[in-house]
Protein backbone atom coordinates (compact mmCIF):
# COMPACT_ATOMS: atom_id res chain seq x y z
CA MET A 1 -15.00 -115.98 -5.16
CA ILE A 2 -13.54 -113.12 -5.81
CA ASP A 3 -12.07 -110.24 -3.69
CA TYR A 4 -14.32 -106.97 -5.49
CA ASP A 5 -11.68 -104.51 -4.02
CA ARG A 6 -8.91 -106.18 -4.66
CA LEU A 7 -10.07 -106.22 -8.42
CA HIS A 8 -10.51 -102.53 -8.83
CA GLN A 9 -7.72 -101.76 -7.37
CA ILE A 10 -5.76 -103.95 -9.99
CA VAL A 11 -8.53 -102.34 -12.84
CA ARG A 12 -7.28 -98.48 -11.72
CA ALA A 13 -3.98 -99.29 -11.26
CA ALA A 14 -3.97 -100.78 -14.85
CA GLY A 15 -5.64 -97.12 -15.65
CA ASP A 16 -2.59 -95.62 -13.69
CA MET A 17 -0.35 -97.16 -16.12
CA ALA A 18 -1.01 -96.43 -19.39
CA LEU A 19 -1.60 -92.63 -18.33
CA GLY A 20 1.53 -92.16 -17.07
CA LEU A 21 2.57 -93.42 -20.61
CA TRP A 22 -0.04 -91.36 -22.56
CA PRO A 23 1.18 -88.33 -24.80
CA GLY A 24 -1.53 -85.98 -23.19
CA HIS A 25 0.80 -86.44 -19.67
CA GLY A 26 4.11 -85.71 -22.42
CA HIS A 27 5.24 -89.41 -23.07
CA ALA A 28 5.81 -90.85 -26.45
CA PRO A 29 4.98 -93.90 -26.90
CA GLN A 30 6.66 -96.33 -29.35
CA VAL A 31 3.73 -96.94 -32.52
CA TRP A 32 3.50 -99.39 -34.56
CA GLU A 33 1.09 -101.49 -36.60
CA LYS A 34 -0.14 -105.01 -35.99
CA THR A 35 -1.48 -105.21 -39.38
CA PRO A 36 -2.80 -102.04 -41.13
CA GLY A 37 -4.64 -99.25 -39.72
CA SER A 38 -4.17 -101.43 -36.74
CA PRO A 39 -1.97 -99.09 -34.27
CA ILE A 40 -0.26 -101.02 -30.85
CA CYS A 41 2.11 -99.41 -28.79
CA ASP A 42 4.31 -99.54 -25.98
CA ALA A 43 1.44 -98.87 -23.25
CA ASP A 44 -1.04 -101.83 -25.17
CA LEU A 45 1.91 -104.32 -23.95
CA ALA A 46 2.56 -103.04 -20.80
CA VAL A 47 -0.73 -103.23 -19.27
CA ASP A 48 -1.46 -105.99 -21.06
CA ALA A 49 1.24 -107.74 -18.85
CA PHE A 50 0.91 -106.20 -15.70
CA LEU A 51 -3.18 -107.48 -15.97
CA LYS A 52 -2.25 -110.91 -16.86
CA ARG A 53 0.18 -111.25 -14.21
CA GLU A 54 -2.15 -109.59 -11.18
CA LEU A 55 -5.85 -111.34 -12.47
CA GLY A 56 -3.74 -114.50 -12.95
CA ALA A 57 -2.97 -114.35 -9.42
CA LEU A 58 -6.26 -112.81 -7.87
CA LEU A 59 -8.30 -115.97 -9.70
CA PRO A 60 -5.84 -118.74 -11.07
CA SER A 61 -8.73 -120.49 -12.03
CA ALA A 62 -10.05 -118.34 -14.72
CA GLY A 63 -8.61 -118.50 -18.51
CA TRP A 64 -7.24 -115.23 -20.36
CA LEU A 65 -8.45 -113.65 -24.00
CA SER A 66 -7.17 -110.93 -24.41
CA GLU A 67 -6.10 -108.48 -27.97
CA GLU A 68 -2.42 -108.66 -27.24
CA THR A 69 -1.88 -111.67 -26.22
CA VAL A 70 -1.62 -114.97 -28.32
CA ASP A 71 -5.51 -117.07 -27.50
CA HIS A 72 -4.80 -120.55 -25.99
CA PRO A 73 -7.66 -122.74 -26.64
CA GLU A 74 -7.14 -123.41 -22.71
CA ARG A 75 -9.79 -120.65 -21.68
CA LEU A 76 -12.70 -122.70 -23.41
CA GLU A 77 -11.74 -125.73 -20.88
CA ARG A 78 -12.49 -122.88 -17.67
CA GLY A 79 -15.86 -122.63 -16.15
CA LEU A 80 -14.69 -118.38 -15.91
CA CYS A 81 -12.50 -116.66 -18.54
CA TRP A 82 -10.87 -112.69 -18.04
CA LEU A 83 -11.90 -111.37 -21.53
CA VAL A 84 -9.27 -107.17 -21.55
CA ASP A 85 -8.71 -105.04 -23.59
CA PRO A 86 -5.57 -103.12 -22.44
CA VAL A 87 -6.02 -99.48 -24.04
CA ASP A 88 -8.98 -99.57 -25.87
CA GLY A 89 -9.02 -96.86 -28.45
CA THR A 90 -5.55 -97.21 -29.09
CA ARG A 91 -6.36 -93.82 -31.86
CA ASP A 92 -6.65 -92.03 -29.66
CA PHE A 93 -4.21 -92.53 -26.62
CA VAL A 94 -1.12 -92.94 -29.48
CA ARG A 95 -2.54 -88.77 -30.50
CA GLY A 96 -3.04 -87.86 -26.66
CA ARG A 97 -6.92 -87.26 -26.67
CA PRO A 98 -8.54 -88.54 -23.36
CA GLY A 99 -11.17 -91.05 -25.61
CA TRP A 100 -9.62 -94.94 -24.65
CA SER A 101 -9.95 -97.02 -21.83
CA VAL A 102 -8.80 -100.04 -20.11
CA SER A 103 -11.48 -102.92 -20.57
CA VAL A 104 -11.86 -105.82 -18.03
CA ALA A 105 -14.38 -108.80 -17.64
CA LEU A 106 -15.10 -112.27 -16.10
CA VAL A 107 -17.13 -114.58 -17.51
CA SER A 108 -18.41 -117.21 -17.01
CA GLU A 109 -20.84 -119.43 -19.45
CA GLY A 110 -20.67 -117.19 -21.95
CA ARG A 111 -21.71 -114.18 -20.22
CA PRO A 112 -20.09 -111.37 -18.10
CA LEU A 113 -20.15 -111.28 -14.24
CA ILE A 114 -18.01 -107.85 -13.63
CA GLY A 115 -17.07 -105.44 -16.09
CA ALA A 116 -14.89 -102.55 -14.85
CA LEU A 117 -13.18 -99.64 -17.40
CA SER A 118 -10.81 -97.40 -16.59
CA ALA A 119 -10.88 -94.33 -18.24
CA PRO A 120 -8.20 -91.81 -16.36
CA ALA A 121 -8.08 -88.80 -18.56
CA ARG A 122 -11.79 -89.14 -18.98
CA GLY A 123 -11.11 -88.72 -14.66
CA GLU A 124 -14.05 -92.40 -14.97
CA TYR A 125 -14.29 -95.25 -13.70
CA TRP A 126 -17.27 -97.52 -14.86
CA SER A 127 -18.27 -100.41 -12.97
CA ALA A 128 -20.68 -103.87 -12.68
CA ILE A 129 -21.94 -107.12 -11.47
CA ALA A 130 -24.23 -108.84 -13.06
CA GLY A 131 -27.36 -108.48 -11.29
CA GLN A 132 -26.55 -105.43 -8.76
CA GLY A 133 -26.17 -102.58 -11.75
CA ALA A 134 -23.97 -100.36 -13.06
CA MET A 135 -22.01 -96.88 -11.95
CA ARG A 136 -19.76 -94.66 -12.59
CA ASN A 137 -17.10 -93.22 -9.94
CA GLY A 138 -19.59 -94.51 -7.66
CA ILE A 139 -23.05 -92.97 -9.09
CA THR A 140 -25.84 -95.40 -10.17
CA LEU A 141 -26.81 -95.82 -13.76
CA HIS A 142 -29.74 -95.42 -15.38
CA ALA A 143 -29.78 -96.20 -19.63
CA SER A 144 -31.37 -93.91 -22.34
CA THR A 145 -36.03 -94.17 -21.94
CA ARG A 146 -36.27 -92.63 -24.98
CA THR A 147 -39.03 -94.61 -26.67
CA ILE A 148 -38.80 -93.58 -30.47
CA LEU A 149 -35.99 -94.17 -33.05
CA PRO A 150 -36.16 -90.85 -34.38
CA GLY A 151 -33.86 -88.23 -32.68
CA SER A 152 -31.56 -90.61 -31.26
CA ARG A 153 -28.29 -89.64 -30.02
CA VAL A 154 -25.46 -91.79 -31.41
CA PRO A 155 -21.38 -91.29 -30.51
CA ALA A 156 -20.73 -91.03 -34.28
CA ASP A 157 -18.34 -88.58 -36.70
CA THR A 158 -21.17 -88.65 -38.85
CA LEU A 159 -23.90 -90.39 -40.03
CA PRO A 160 -25.74 -92.18 -43.35
CA LYS A 161 -28.23 -90.55 -45.65
CA ALA A 162 -30.34 -93.58 -44.46
CA ASP A 163 -29.86 -92.45 -40.59
CA ALA A 164 -30.49 -88.69 -41.04
CA ASP A 165 -33.01 -88.61 -38.79
CA LEU A 166 -30.74 -89.62 -36.03
CA VAL A 167 -28.38 -87.19 -34.22
CA THR A 168 -24.21 -87.36 -33.71
CA VAL A 169 -22.96 -86.72 -30.60
CA ASP A 170 -19.50 -86.81 -28.51
CA LYS A 171 -18.02 -90.10 -30.28
CA PRO A 172 -14.42 -91.24 -27.60
CA ASN A 173 -12.45 -93.66 -29.99
CA SER A 174 -12.77 -96.77 -27.48
CA ILE A 175 -15.71 -98.44 -28.16
CA ALA A 176 -15.77 -99.30 -24.59
CA LEU A 177 -17.07 -95.94 -23.94
CA ARG A 178 -19.46 -95.20 -27.08
CA ILE A 179 -21.61 -98.40 -25.54
CA ALA A 180 -21.17 -97.69 -21.54
CA MET A 181 -22.44 -94.00 -23.13
CA VAL A 182 -25.80 -95.78 -23.34
CA GLY A 183 -25.77 -96.88 -20.21
CA ALA A 184 -25.30 -93.05 -19.19
CA ASN A 185 -28.07 -91.64 -20.77
CA GLU A 186 -25.84 -89.99 -23.25
CA ALA A 187 -26.77 -91.26 -26.24
CA ASP A 188 -29.56 -93.54 -27.07
CA LEU A 189 -28.34 -95.88 -29.58
CA LEU A 190 -24.76 -97.22 -30.66
CA ALA A 191 -24.41 -99.55 -33.59
CA THR A 192 -21.88 -101.35 -35.64
CA LEU A 193 -21.90 -103.39 -38.89
CA ARG A 194 -18.58 -105.08 -38.83
CA TRP A 195 -16.96 -108.17 -37.06
CA GLY A 196 -15.56 -107.51 -33.53
CA PHE A 197 -13.78 -108.87 -30.85
CA GLU A 198 -15.35 -109.93 -27.28
CA TRP A 199 -12.87 -108.31 -25.73
CA ASP A 200 -13.48 -104.92 -26.88
CA ILE A 201 -17.31 -105.04 -25.62
CA ALA A 202 -17.59 -107.48 -22.60
CA ALA A 203 -17.39 -105.14 -19.98
CA ALA A 204 -18.71 -102.59 -21.54
CA THR A 205 -21.48 -104.39 -22.87
CA LEU A 206 -22.47 -105.86 -19.37
CA ILE A 207 -22.08 -102.31 -17.59
CA ALA A 208 -25.29 -100.69 -19.95
CA ARG A 209 -26.86 -103.81 -19.54
CA GLU A 210 -27.08 -104.01 -16.07
CA ALA A 211 -28.13 -99.78 -16.26
CA GLY A 212 -31.14 -100.81 -18.05
CA ALA A 213 -30.20 -100.80 -21.33
CA ALA A 214 -30.66 -103.41 -24.19
CA THR A 215 -28.06 -105.61 -25.79
CA SER A 216 -27.45 -107.98 -28.87
CA ASP A 217 -25.45 -108.42 -31.59
CA ALA A 218 -26.42 -106.99 -35.50
CA PHE A 219 -29.59 -108.87 -35.34
CA GLY A 220 -31.03 -109.12 -32.26
CA LYS A 221 -30.05 -111.97 -30.87
CA PRO A 222 -27.90 -112.03 -27.53
CA LEU A 223 -24.45 -112.10 -27.07
CA HIS A 224 -22.40 -114.98 -25.87
CA TYR A 225 -18.76 -114.80 -24.76
CA ASN A 226 -15.52 -116.62 -24.64
CA LYS A 227 -16.31 -119.05 -27.93
CA ARG A 228 -13.74 -120.13 -29.92
CA ASP A 229 -13.88 -117.29 -32.23
CA PRO A 230 -14.04 -114.61 -30.36
CA ARG A 231 -16.06 -112.55 -32.72
CA ALA A 232 -19.47 -111.35 -33.48
CA PHE A 233 -21.07 -109.79 -36.33
CA GLY A 234 -21.87 -105.88 -35.71
CA LEU A 235 -23.12 -104.78 -32.21
CA LEU A 236 -26.72 -102.75 -30.95
CA VAL A 237 -26.56 -101.21 -27.97
CA THR A 238 -30.26 -99.07 -27.64
CA ALA A 239 -32.87 -97.86 -25.20
CA PRO A 240 -35.26 -100.24 -24.62
CA ALA A 241 -38.11 -98.89 -26.40
CA ILE A 242 -35.80 -98.53 -29.76
CA HIS A 243 -34.01 -101.73 -29.45
CA ALA A 244 -36.44 -103.88 -31.69
CA ALA A 245 -37.29 -100.56 -34.31
CA ALA A 246 -33.60 -99.91 -34.72
CA VAL A 247 -32.62 -103.96 -35.81
CA GLU A 248 -35.54 -103.60 -37.99
CA ARG A 249 -33.40 -100.46 -39.47
CA LEU A 250 -30.73 -102.77 -39.99
CA ALA A 251 -31.87 -105.42 -40.83
CA GLU A 252 -30.82 -105.34 -44.45
CA ARG A 253 -28.17 -103.36 -43.87
CA ALA A 254 -26.25 -106.32 -41.84
CA ALA A 255 -27.45 -109.12 -43.87
CA LYS A 256 -25.67 -107.95 -46.75
CA LEU A 257 -22.40 -106.92 -44.61
CA ALA A 258 -22.42 -110.45 -42.73
């Protein structure tokens, strides 16, 4: 159905394109705001155009859903759809920090089949195929096996008082990288309690799940992709044994915010 080698060449090339425009390499990107507090730069658009062209040529039958492209309802009529965030973690990108990635997923009937993250500023390339495991830089990933919620590692700058029994670890701006950290056993828990978009999480949740992590929305329900409204409320990615405890802890907060 698809040339996997060519797919990974495309995603790596997209990462290299973004890296060439990154302030960490001396580039001064053009930056503006799509909406207040939501930055975008010229790299977002350049990488998006490249991926739309190359992935479209790779699999012409697939639909397209990207953060930087106007959504078209025809994607709902396709059996397959690309979900793309050309630069996930734009805030880190424009500040010259390495916590950003290019995120690409191919979904079928609401479920990711393939996921890839290129994070060249960190020297990382992540990938997964449904049912075949996940890798980073060619090394098979195994998710966190933590069995109790207190003491769990969370990629966050700070934590609410209610979660003072958890432990903060490094937090890249890219939500995709924070999700993948659970799959790499560099974190035990990633939780959000806000509305988010499918293109931010599709590739990374497949990577985490294929590495053995549990993934769901904030209420513990399964995630579905390529919906008419491409959003979900909240995200929970955890070591499997602490998932139920995390859902229980967040239930009241999630209900109030949703």
